[in-house]
Amino acid sequence: HPADLILTLTSSSSQDDKDSAEGGDDSSAKDWRPLVKDLIAKDGGVANLFAGLPARATFFFLVIGLQFFLYDFVKGLFNVSSDDLTLVLDVFYAIRQGLIDS
């Protein structure tokens, strides 16, 4: 997404500036506005800000899907039902309210 792209470009440009001028003031490298203007000015316009978004979205959909799959698999492996999870949450609530001494 645009903020991640700008952050990546800003950090890479500040790293390049540090390599070329060691010990100098790198406050100009932290400015993101010229990077955005350059990206929008290039062929493609505002769409350049969303470069890499489909790959990033696919990655996160796969990671989140894998987490749900593993949760469901482990829950089935240990024969944990919804009632068991509710009971655990009820106990945590009672401890927090001071109804049960821990």
N, C-alpha and C. Protein backbone atom coordinates (compact mmCIF):
# COMPACT_ATOMS: atom_id res chain seq x y z
N HIS A 1 0.84 -1.17 0.00
CA HIS A 1 0.00 0.00 0.00
C HIS A 1 0.88 1.23 0.00
N PRO A 2 0.29 2.38 -0.29
CA PRO A 2 1.12 3.57 -0.50
C PRO A 2 2.04 3.92 0.67
N ALA A 3 1.56 3.82 1.89
CA ALA A 3 2.40 4.21 3.03
C ALA A 3 3.63 3.29 3.15
N ASP A 4 3.44 2.00 2.93
CA ASP A 4 4.55 1.06 3.01
C ASP A 4 5.56 1.33 1.89
N LEU A 5 5.07 1.61 0.70
CA LEU A 5 5.95 1.91 -0.43
C LEU A 5 6.77 3.16 -0.15
N ILE A 6 6.14 4.19 0.37
CA ILE A 6 6.84 5.45 0.67
C ILE A 6 7.86 5.23 1.78
N LEU A 7 7.49 4.47 2.80
CA LEU A 7 8.43 4.17 3.88
C LEU A 7 9.65 3.41 3.37
N THR A 8 9.41 2.43 2.50
CA THR A 8 10.52 1.66 1.93
C THR A 8 11.42 2.55 1.09
N LEU A 9 10.84 3.38 0.24
CA LEU A 9 11.64 4.26 -0.61
C LEU A 9 12.40 5.29 0.22
N THR A 10 11.77 5.81 1.28
CA THR A 10 12.42 6.79 2.13
C THR A 10 13.61 6.18 2.85
N SER A 11 13.41 4.98 3.39
CA SER A 11 14.52 4.35 4.12
C SER A 11 15.64 3.94 3.18
N SER A 12 15.29 3.50 1.97
CA SER A 12 16.36 3.12 1.03
C SER A 12 17.10 4.35 0.52
N SER A 13 16.40 5.47 0.33
CA SER A 13 17.10 6.67 -0.12
C SER A 13 17.96 7.25 0.99
N SER A 14 17.51 7.13 2.25
CA SER A 14 18.35 7.62 3.35
C SER A 14 19.57 6.73 3.52
N GLN A 15 19.44 5.42 3.26
CA GLN A 15 20.59 4.52 3.33
C GLN A 15 21.59 4.84 2.22
N ASP A 16 21.10 5.16 1.02
CA ASP A 16 21.98 5.54 -0.08
C ASP A 16 22.72 6.84 0.25
N ASP A 17 22.00 7.77 0.87
CA ASP A 17 22.63 9.04 1.23
C ASP A 17 23.68 8.84 2.31
N LYS A 18 23.44 7.94 3.25
CA LYS A 18 24.42 7.66 4.30
C LYS A 18 25.66 7.03 3.71
N ASP A 19 25.47 6.17 2.70
CA ASP A 19 26.62 5.53 2.07
C ASP A 19 27.46 6.53 1.29
N SER A 20 26.80 7.52 0.66
CA SER A 20 27.54 8.47 -0.17
C SER A 20 28.16 9.60 0.66
N ALA A 21 27.49 10.02 1.73
CA ALA A 21 28.03 11.10 2.56
C ALA A 21 27.94 10.70 4.02
N GLU A 22 28.99 10.11 4.53
CA GLU A 22 28.99 9.64 5.91
C GLU A 22 29.07 10.82 6.87
N GLY A 23 28.26 10.75 7.95
CA GLY A 23 28.30 11.77 8.98
C GLY A 23 27.56 13.04 8.64
N GLY A 24 26.93 13.12 7.49
CA GLY A 24 26.21 14.32 7.11
C GLY A 24 24.81 14.33 7.69
N ASP A 25 24.14 15.47 7.54
CA ASP A 25 22.77 15.62 8.03
C ASP A 25 21.84 14.95 7.03
N ASP A 26 21.06 13.96 7.48
CA ASP A 26 20.19 13.21 6.57
C ASP A 26 18.73 13.62 6.72
N SER A 27 18.46 14.86 7.17
CA SER A 27 17.09 15.31 7.34
C SER A 27 16.38 15.44 6.00
N SER A 28 17.11 15.78 4.93
CA SER A 28 16.48 15.89 3.61
C SER A 28 16.07 14.52 3.07
N ALA A 29 16.76 13.46 3.50
CA ALA A 29 16.43 12.12 3.03
C ALA A 29 15.14 11.60 3.66
N LYS A 30 14.74 12.18 4.79
CA LYS A 30 13.53 11.75 5.48
C LYS A 30 12.27 12.35 4.86
N ASP A 31 12.41 13.34 3.98
CA ASP A 31 11.25 13.98 3.38
C ASP A 31 10.65 13.08 2.31
N TRP A 32 9.40 12.75 2.47
CA TRP A 32 8.73 11.81 1.58
C TRP A 32 8.02 12.51 0.43
N ARG A 33 7.81 13.81 0.52
CA ARG A 33 7.04 14.52 -0.52
C ARG A 33 7.67 14.45 -1.91
N PRO A 34 8.98 14.63 -2.04
CA PRO A 34 9.57 14.51 -3.38
C PRO A 34 9.41 13.10 -3.97
N LEU A 35 9.47 12.09 -3.11
CA LEU A 35 9.29 10.73 -3.60
C LEU A 35 7.89 10.53 -4.17
N VAL A 36 6.88 11.05 -3.46
CA VAL A 36 5.50 10.93 -3.93
C VAL A 36 5.31 11.69 -5.24
N LYS A 37 5.87 12.90 -5.31
CA LYS A 37 5.76 13.69 -6.54
C LYS A 37 6.41 12.96 -7.71
N ASP A 38 7.57 12.34 -7.47
CA ASP A 38 8.24 11.59 -8.54
C ASP A 38 7.42 10.39 -8.98
N LEU A 39 6.84 9.67 -8.02
CA LEU A 39 6.04 8.50 -8.38
C LEU A 39 4.80 8.89 -9.17
N ILE A 40 4.15 9.97 -8.76
CA ILE A 40 2.93 10.40 -9.47
C ILE A 40 3.28 10.97 -10.85
N ALA A 41 4.44 11.60 -10.97
CA ALA A 41 4.84 12.19 -12.25
C ALA A 41 5.23 11.13 -13.28
N LYS A 42 5.63 9.95 -12.82
CA LYS A 42 6.02 8.89 -13.75
C LYS A 42 4.81 8.37 -14.51
N ASP A 43 5.10 7.64 -15.58
CA ASP A 43 4.04 7.04 -16.37
C ASP A 43 3.26 6.05 -15.50
N GLY A 44 1.98 6.23 -15.38
CA GLY A 44 1.14 5.39 -14.54
C GLY A 44 0.43 6.20 -13.47
N GLY A 45 1.00 7.34 -13.10
CA GLY A 45 0.35 8.26 -12.17
C GLY A 45 0.18 7.70 -10.77
N VAL A 46 -1.01 7.87 -10.23
CA VAL A 46 -1.31 7.47 -8.85
C VAL A 46 -1.21 5.96 -8.68
N ALA A 47 -1.41 5.22 -9.74
CA ALA A 47 -1.32 3.75 -9.67
C ALA A 47 0.07 3.30 -9.23
N ASN A 48 1.08 4.13 -9.45
CA ASN A 48 2.44 3.78 -9.01
C ASN A 48 2.54 3.66 -7.49
N LEU A 49 1.66 4.36 -6.76
CA LEU A 49 1.68 4.28 -5.30
C LEU A 49 1.22 2.91 -4.81
N PHE A 50 0.50 2.19 -5.65
CA PHE A 50 -0.04 0.89 -5.26
C PHE A 50 0.76 -0.27 -5.86
N ALA A 51 2.00 -0.01 -6.26
CA ALA A 51 2.85 -1.06 -6.81
C ALA A 51 3.11 -2.11 -5.75
N GLY A 52 2.92 -3.37 -6.09
CA GLY A 52 3.17 -4.46 -5.17
C GLY A 52 1.99 -4.81 -4.28
N LEU A 53 0.89 -4.08 -4.38
CA LEU A 53 -0.26 -4.34 -3.52
C LEU A 53 -0.88 -5.72 -3.77
N PRO A 54 -1.04 -6.17 -5.02
CA PRO A 54 -1.61 -7.51 -5.22
C PRO A 54 -0.76 -8.63 -4.60
N ALA A 55 0.55 -8.53 -4.72
CA ALA A 55 1.41 -9.56 -4.12
C ALA A 55 1.32 -9.52 -2.60
N ARG A 56 1.29 -8.33 -2.04
CA ARG A 56 1.19 -8.18 -0.58
C ARG A 56 -0.15 -8.72 -0.08
N ALA A 57 -1.23 -8.39 -0.79
CA ALA A 57 -2.56 -8.88 -0.39
C ALA A 57 -2.63 -10.39 -0.47
N THR A 58 -2.07 -10.97 -1.52
CA THR A 58 -2.06 -12.43 -1.66
C THR A 58 -1.29 -13.07 -0.51
N PHE A 59 -0.16 -12.52 -0.17
CA PHE A 59 0.65 -13.05 0.93
C PHE A 59 -0.14 -13.04 2.23
N PHE A 60 -0.77 -11.91 2.55
CA PHE A 60 -1.50 -11.83 3.81
C PHE A 60 -2.74 -12.70 3.83
N PHE A 61 -3.42 -12.83 2.69
CA PHE A 61 -4.57 -13.74 2.64
C PHE A 61 -4.13 -15.17 2.90
N LEU A 62 -3.00 -15.57 2.35
CA LEU A 62 -2.49 -16.92 2.59
C LEU A 62 -2.07 -17.12 4.04
N VAL A 63 -1.41 -16.14 4.62
CA VAL A 63 -0.97 -16.26 6.01
C VAL A 63 -2.17 -16.34 6.95
N ILE A 64 -3.15 -15.48 6.75
CA ILE A 64 -4.33 -15.49 7.61
C ILE A 64 -5.13 -16.77 7.42
N GLY A 65 -5.24 -17.23 6.18
CA GLY A 65 -5.93 -18.49 5.92
C GLY A 65 -5.23 -19.66 6.60
N LEU A 66 -3.90 -19.68 6.56
CA LEU A 66 -3.14 -20.73 7.22
C LEU A 66 -3.35 -20.70 8.74
N GLN A 67 -3.42 -19.51 9.31
CA GLN A 67 -3.67 -19.39 10.75
C GLN A 67 -5.04 -19.96 11.13
N PHE A 68 -6.06 -19.65 10.34
CA PHE A 68 -7.40 -20.20 10.61
C PHE A 68 -7.40 -21.71 10.46
N PHE A 69 -6.71 -22.20 9.43
CA PHE A 69 -6.65 -23.65 9.22
C PHE A 69 -5.97 -24.33 10.40
N LEU A 70 -4.82 -23.80 10.84
CA LEU A 70 -4.10 -24.40 11.97
C LEU A 70 -4.92 -24.35 13.25
N TYR A 71 -5.62 -23.24 13.49
CA TYR A 71 -6.47 -23.12 14.67
C TYR A 71 -7.55 -24.19 14.65
N ASP A 72 -8.22 -24.34 13.53
CA ASP A 72 -9.29 -25.33 13.42
C ASP A 72 -8.73 -26.74 13.53
N PHE A 73 -7.58 -27.01 12.94
CA PHE A 73 -6.97 -28.33 12.98
C PHE A 73 -6.58 -28.72 14.41
N VAL A 74 -5.92 -27.80 15.12
CA VAL A 74 -5.49 -28.08 16.50
C VAL A 74 -6.71 -28.21 17.41
N LYS A 75 -7.72 -27.38 17.18
CA LYS A 75 -8.94 -27.46 17.98
C LYS A 75 -9.60 -28.83 17.79
N GLY A 76 -9.63 -29.33 16.58
CA GLY A 76 -10.18 -30.66 16.33
C GLY A 76 -9.28 -31.77 16.85
N LEU A 77 -7.97 -31.58 16.78
CA LEU A 77 -7.02 -32.57 17.26
C LEU A 77 -7.16 -32.81 18.76
N PHE A 78 -7.39 -31.74 19.51
CA PHE A 78 -7.55 -31.86 20.96
C PHE A 78 -9.00 -31.99 21.40
N ASN A 79 -9.91 -32.13 20.44
CA ASN A 79 -11.35 -32.27 20.72
C ASN A 79 -11.87 -31.13 21.61
N VAL A 80 -11.53 -29.92 21.25
CA VAL A 80 -11.98 -28.75 21.99
C VAL A 80 -13.25 -28.24 21.32
N SER A 81 -14.32 -28.09 22.11
CA SER A 81 -15.58 -27.60 21.56
C SER A 81 -15.77 -26.13 21.93
N SER A 82 -16.80 -25.52 21.40
CA SER A 82 -17.10 -24.13 21.71
C SER A 82 -17.45 -23.97 23.18
N ASP A 83 -18.11 -24.99 23.75
CA ASP A 83 -18.46 -24.93 25.17
C ASP A 83 -17.20 -24.90 26.04
N ASP A 84 -16.17 -25.64 25.65
CA ASP A 84 -14.91 -25.63 26.41
C ASP A 84 -14.28 -24.24 26.39
N LEU A 85 -14.31 -23.61 25.22
CA LEU A 85 -13.72 -22.27 25.12
C LEU A 85 -14.53 -21.26 25.92
N THR A 86 -15.84 -21.40 25.93
CA THR A 86 -16.69 -20.51 26.72
C THR A 86 -16.41 -20.68 28.20
N LEU A 87 -16.23 -21.92 28.63
CA LEU A 87 -15.93 -22.19 30.03
C LEU A 87 -14.62 -21.53 30.45
N VAL A 88 -13.61 -21.62 29.63
CA VAL A 88 -12.32 -21.00 29.93
C VAL A 88 -12.46 -19.49 30.04
N LEU A 89 -13.19 -18.89 29.11
CA LEU A 89 -13.40 -17.45 29.17
C LEU A 89 -14.19 -17.04 30.40
N ASP A 90 -15.17 -17.85 30.80
CA ASP A 90 -15.93 -17.57 32.02
C ASP A 90 -15.04 -17.61 33.25
N VAL A 91 -14.12 -18.54 33.31
CA VAL A 91 -13.19 -18.64 34.43
C VAL A 91 -12.27 -17.42 34.46
N PHE A 92 -11.74 -17.02 33.30
CA PHE A 92 -10.90 -15.82 33.25
C PHE A 92 -11.67 -14.59 33.71
N TYR A 93 -12.92 -14.48 33.30
CA TYR A 93 -13.76 -13.35 33.70
C TYR A 93 -13.97 -13.35 35.21
N ALA A 94 -14.24 -14.52 35.79
CA ALA A 94 -14.47 -14.61 37.23
C ALA A 94 -13.21 -14.25 38.01
N ILE A 95 -12.07 -14.65 37.53
CA ILE A 95 -10.81 -14.31 38.20
C ILE A 95 -10.58 -12.80 38.14
N ARG A 96 -10.85 -12.22 36.99
CA ARG A 96 -10.64 -10.78 36.83
C ARG A 96 -11.59 -9.97 37.70
N GLN A 97 -12.80 -10.46 37.89
CA GLN A 97 -13.78 -9.75 38.72
C GLN A 97 -13.56 -9.99 40.21
N GLY A 98 -12.65 -10.89 40.55
CA GLY A 98 -12.37 -11.17 41.94
C GLY A 98 -13.33 -12.17 42.55
N LEU A 99 -14.08 -12.87 41.73
CA LEU A 99 -15.03 -13.87 42.22
C LEU A 99 -14.32 -15.14 42.63
N ILE A 100 -13.14 -15.38 42.05
CA ILE A 100 -12.34 -16.57 42.35
C ILE A 100 -10.93 -16.09 42.69
N ASP A 101 -10.36 -16.63 43.75
CA ASP A 101 -8.98 -16.31 44.09
C ASP A 101 -8.06 -17.12 43.20
N SER A 102 -7.06 -16.46 42.63
CA SER A 102 -6.15 -17.16 41.73
C SER A 102 -4.99 -17.79 42.43
